[in-house]
Amino acid sequence: MVKYRISGVWKDMNNVITHYAFHTVSENTISRAVKKTKAEAIKLLETYGNTATTWVWNYNQSFWSIGENIEVVNGSDGKYLRSNPNEKITDNLGHLIDFDWINP
């Protein structure tokens, strides 16, 4: 059982998320971000017992805040990650920091 936080995304030219910034949560620390492909992210979160939440930068407090639970869903175009479905204004992790300015 591994807990993850996802703090950001990378998108393609069509504004579709292709990669995620994964952090591993341990008892005393949270790892630096590791860039995971969509397929890798899905595999990690489909592993029994693994969980993930969004990790959102709070600009008012200058601190990271734990956000929404993330799940794998099977949509019409295949599997993808989704945050609390239809319960928040956020757009299936599209609201996270856009890390496109960071090269691989």
C-alpha atoms as a PDB file:
ATOM      1  CA  MET A   1       0.000   0.000   0.000  1.00  0.00           C
ATOM      2  CA  VAL A   2       1.541   3.232  -1.179  1.00  0.00           C
ATOM      3  CA  LYS A   3       0.165   6.739  -0.813  1.00  0.00           C
ATOM      4  CA  TYR A   4       0.847   9.255  -3.555  1.00  0.00           C
ATOM      5  CA  ARG A   5       0.276  12.945  -4.128  1.00  0.00           C
ATOM      6  CA  ILE A   6      -0.003  14.408  -7.639  1.00  0.00           C
ATOM      7  CA  SER A   7       1.077  18.043  -7.826  1.00  0.00           C
ATOM      8  CA  GLY A   8       1.156  18.789 -11.531  1.00  0.00           C
ATOM      9  CA  VAL A   9       0.689  17.637 -15.094  1.00  0.00           C
ATOM     10  CA  TRP A  10       2.225  17.806 -18.549  1.00  0.00           C
ATOM     11  CA  LYS A  11      -0.045  18.245 -21.570  1.00  0.00           C
ATOM     12  CA  ASP A  12       0.286  17.696 -25.294  1.00  0.00           C
ATOM     13  CA  MET A  13      -0.455  20.238 -28.039  1.00  0.00           C
ATOM     14  CA  ASN A  14      -4.180  19.383 -27.786  1.00  0.00           C
ATOM     15  CA  ASN A  15      -4.226  20.244 -24.063  1.00  0.00           C
ATOM     16  CA  VAL A  16      -4.590  16.549 -23.120  1.00  0.00           C
ATOM     17  CA  ILE A  17      -2.742  15.381 -20.006  1.00  0.00           C
ATOM     18  CA  THR A  18       0.075  12.975 -20.925  1.00  0.00           C
ATOM     19  CA  HIS A  19       2.155  12.857 -17.716  1.00  0.00           C
ATOM     20  CA  TYR A  20       1.722  13.423 -13.987  1.00  0.00           C
ATOM     21  CA  ALA A  21       4.050  14.654 -11.217  1.00  0.00           C
ATOM     22  CA  PHE A  22       3.908  11.842  -8.612  1.00  0.00           C
ATOM     23  CA  HIS A  23       5.190  12.183  -5.040  1.00  0.00           C
ATOM     24  CA  THR A  24       5.496   9.174  -2.729  1.00  0.00           C
ATOM     25  CA  VAL A  25       4.264   9.793   0.812  1.00  0.00           C
ATOM     26  CA  SER A  26       6.097   8.133   3.690  1.00  0.00           C
ATOM     27  CA  GLU A  27       5.621   8.505   7.417  1.00  0.00           C
ATOM     28  CA  ASN A  28       7.902  11.548   7.745  1.00  0.00           C
ATOM     29  CA  THR A  29       8.493  12.859   4.223  1.00  0.00           C
ATOM     30  CA  ILE A  30       7.129  13.302   0.753  1.00  0.00           C
ATOM     31  CA  SER A  31       9.413  12.588  -2.196  1.00  0.00           C
ATOM     32  CA  ARG A  32      10.362  14.961  -4.958  1.00  0.00           C
ATOM     33  CA  ALA A  33       8.176  14.761  -8.031  1.00  0.00           C
ATOM     34  CA  VAL A  34       8.717  11.897 -10.450  1.00  0.00           C
ATOM     35  CA  LYS A  35       7.277  12.281 -13.947  1.00  0.00           C
ATOM     36  CA  LYS A  36       4.964   9.359 -14.770  1.00  0.00           C
ATOM     37  CA  THR A  37       3.229   8.648 -18.059  1.00  0.00           C
ATOM     38  CA  LYS A  38      -0.531   8.261 -18.100  1.00  0.00           C
ATOM     39  CA  ALA A  39      -0.111   4.473 -18.446  1.00  0.00           C
ATOM     40  CA  GLU A  40       2.336   4.321 -15.521  1.00  0.00           C
ATOM     41  CA  ALA A  41       0.003   6.439 -13.372  1.00  0.00           C
ATOM     42  CA  ILE A  42      -2.956   4.200 -14.140  1.00  0.00           C
ATOM     43  CA  LYS A  43      -0.949   1.072 -13.322  1.00  0.00           C
ATOM     44  CA  LEU A  44       0.205   2.527  -9.989  1.00  0.00           C
ATOM     45  CA  LEU A  45      -3.311   3.480  -8.945  1.00  0.00           C
ATOM     46  CA  GLU A  46      -4.868   0.219 -10.119  1.00  0.00           C
ATOM     47  CA  THR A  47      -2.519  -1.665  -7.794  1.00  0.00           C
ATOM     48  CA  TYR A  48      -4.583  -2.834  -4.840  1.00  0.00           C
ATOM     49  CA  GLY A  49      -4.155  -0.606  -1.793  1.00  0.00           C
ATOM     50  CA  ASN A  50      -2.412   2.272  -3.573  1.00  0.00           C
ATOM     51  CA  THR A  51      -4.098   5.662  -3.231  1.00  0.00           C
ATOM     52  CA  ALA A  52      -3.509   9.195  -4.462  1.00  0.00           C
ATOM     53  CA  THR A  53      -4.730  12.693  -3.781  1.00  0.00           C
ATOM     54  CA  THR A  54      -4.071  15.957  -5.505  1.00  0.00           C
ATOM     55  CA  TRP A  55      -1.470  18.199  -3.885  1.00  0.00           C
ATOM     56  CA  VAL A  56      -2.346  21.806  -4.518  1.00  0.00           C
ATOM     57  CA  TRP A  57      -0.192  24.885  -3.940  1.00  0.00           C
ATOM     58  CA  ASN A  58      -2.031  27.295  -1.652  1.00  0.00           C
ATOM     59  CA  TYR A  59      -0.860  30.730  -2.788  1.00  0.00           C
ATOM     60  CA  ASN A  60      -2.405  32.527   0.203  1.00  0.00           C
ATOM     61  CA  GLN A  61      -0.531  30.422   2.759  1.00  0.00           C
ATOM     62  CA  SER A  62       2.525  29.568   0.609  1.00  0.00           C
ATOM     63  CA  PHE A  63       2.081  25.922   1.457  1.00  0.00           C
ATOM     64  CA  TRP A  64       1.004  22.663  -0.193  1.00  0.00           C
ATOM     65  CA  SER A  65      -2.514  21.480   0.655  1.00  0.00           C
ATOM     66  CA  ILE A  66      -3.922  17.982   0.263  1.00  0.00           C
ATOM     67  CA  GLY A  67      -6.735  18.146  -2.247  1.00  0.00           C
ATOM     68  CA  GLU A  68      -9.113  15.612  -3.722  1.00  0.00           C
ATOM     69  CA  ASN A  69      -8.987  11.830  -3.967  1.00  0.00           C
ATOM     70  CA  ILE A  70      -7.972  10.470  -7.360  1.00  0.00           C
ATOM     71  CA  GLU A  71      -9.357   7.378  -9.028  1.00  0.00           C
ATOM     72  CA  VAL A  72      -8.931   5.526 -12.308  1.00  0.00           C
ATOM     73  CA  VAL A  73     -12.034   5.508 -14.488  1.00  0.00           C
ATOM     74  CA  ASN A  74     -12.767   3.885 -17.811  1.00  0.00           C
ATOM     75  CA  GLY A  75     -14.145   6.518 -20.177  1.00  0.00           C
ATOM     76  CA  SER A  76     -15.208   6.330 -23.797  1.00  0.00           C
ATOM     77  CA  ASP A  77     -11.581   6.982 -24.894  1.00  0.00           C
ATOM     78  CA  GLY A  78     -10.041   4.551 -22.395  1.00  0.00           C
ATOM     79  CA  LYS A  79      -8.796   4.805 -18.838  1.00  0.00           C
ATOM     80  CA  TYR A  80      -7.786   8.078 -17.225  1.00  0.00           C
ATOM     81  CA  LEU A  81      -7.314   9.661 -13.789  1.00  0.00           C
ATOM     82  CA  ARG A  82     -10.147  11.644 -12.290  1.00  0.00           C
ATOM     83  CA  SER A  83     -10.450  13.668  -9.120  1.00  0.00           C
ATOM     84  CA  ASN A  84     -13.658  13.581  -7.049  1.00  0.00           C
ATOM     85  CA  PRO A  85     -16.085  13.048  -9.908  1.00  0.00           C
ATOM     86  CA  ASN A  86     -18.483  15.902 -10.430  1.00  0.00           C
ATOM     87  CA  GLU A  87     -18.276  17.050  -6.814  1.00  0.00           C
ATOM     88  CA  LYS A  88     -15.861  19.946  -7.296  1.00  0.00           C
ATOM     89  CA  ILE A  89     -15.183  22.655  -9.831  1.00  0.00           C
ATOM     90  CA  THR A  90     -11.784  21.151 -10.678  1.00  0.00           C
ATOM     91  CA  ASP A  91     -11.323  19.545 -14.075  1.00  0.00           C
ATOM     92  CA  ASN A  92      -9.951  16.007 -13.658  1.00  0.00           C
ATOM     93  CA  LEU A  93      -6.483  17.153 -12.570  1.00  0.00           C
ATOM     94  CA  GLY A  94      -6.345  19.813 -15.292  1.00  0.00           C
ATOM     95  CA  HIS A  95      -6.395  22.399 -12.483  1.00  0.00           C
ATOM     96  CA  LEU A  96      -2.986  21.280 -11.190  1.00  0.00           C
ATOM     97  CA  ILE A  97       0.240  23.118 -11.949  1.00  0.00           C
ATOM     98  CA  ASP A  98       1.179  22.870 -15.630  1.00  0.00           C
ATOM     99  CA  PHE A  99       4.761  21.588 -15.648  1.00  0.00           C
ATOM    100  CA  ASP A 100       5.190  21.881 -19.416  1.00  0.00           C
ATOM    101  CA  TRP A 101       7.912  24.479 -18.848  1.00  0.00           C
ATOM    102  CA  ILE A 102       9.992  21.758 -17.168  1.00  0.00           C
ATOM    103  CA  ASN A 103      11.667  19.568 -19.765  1.00  0.00           C
ATOM    104  CA  PRO A 104      11.616  15.816 -19.014  1.00  0.00           C
END
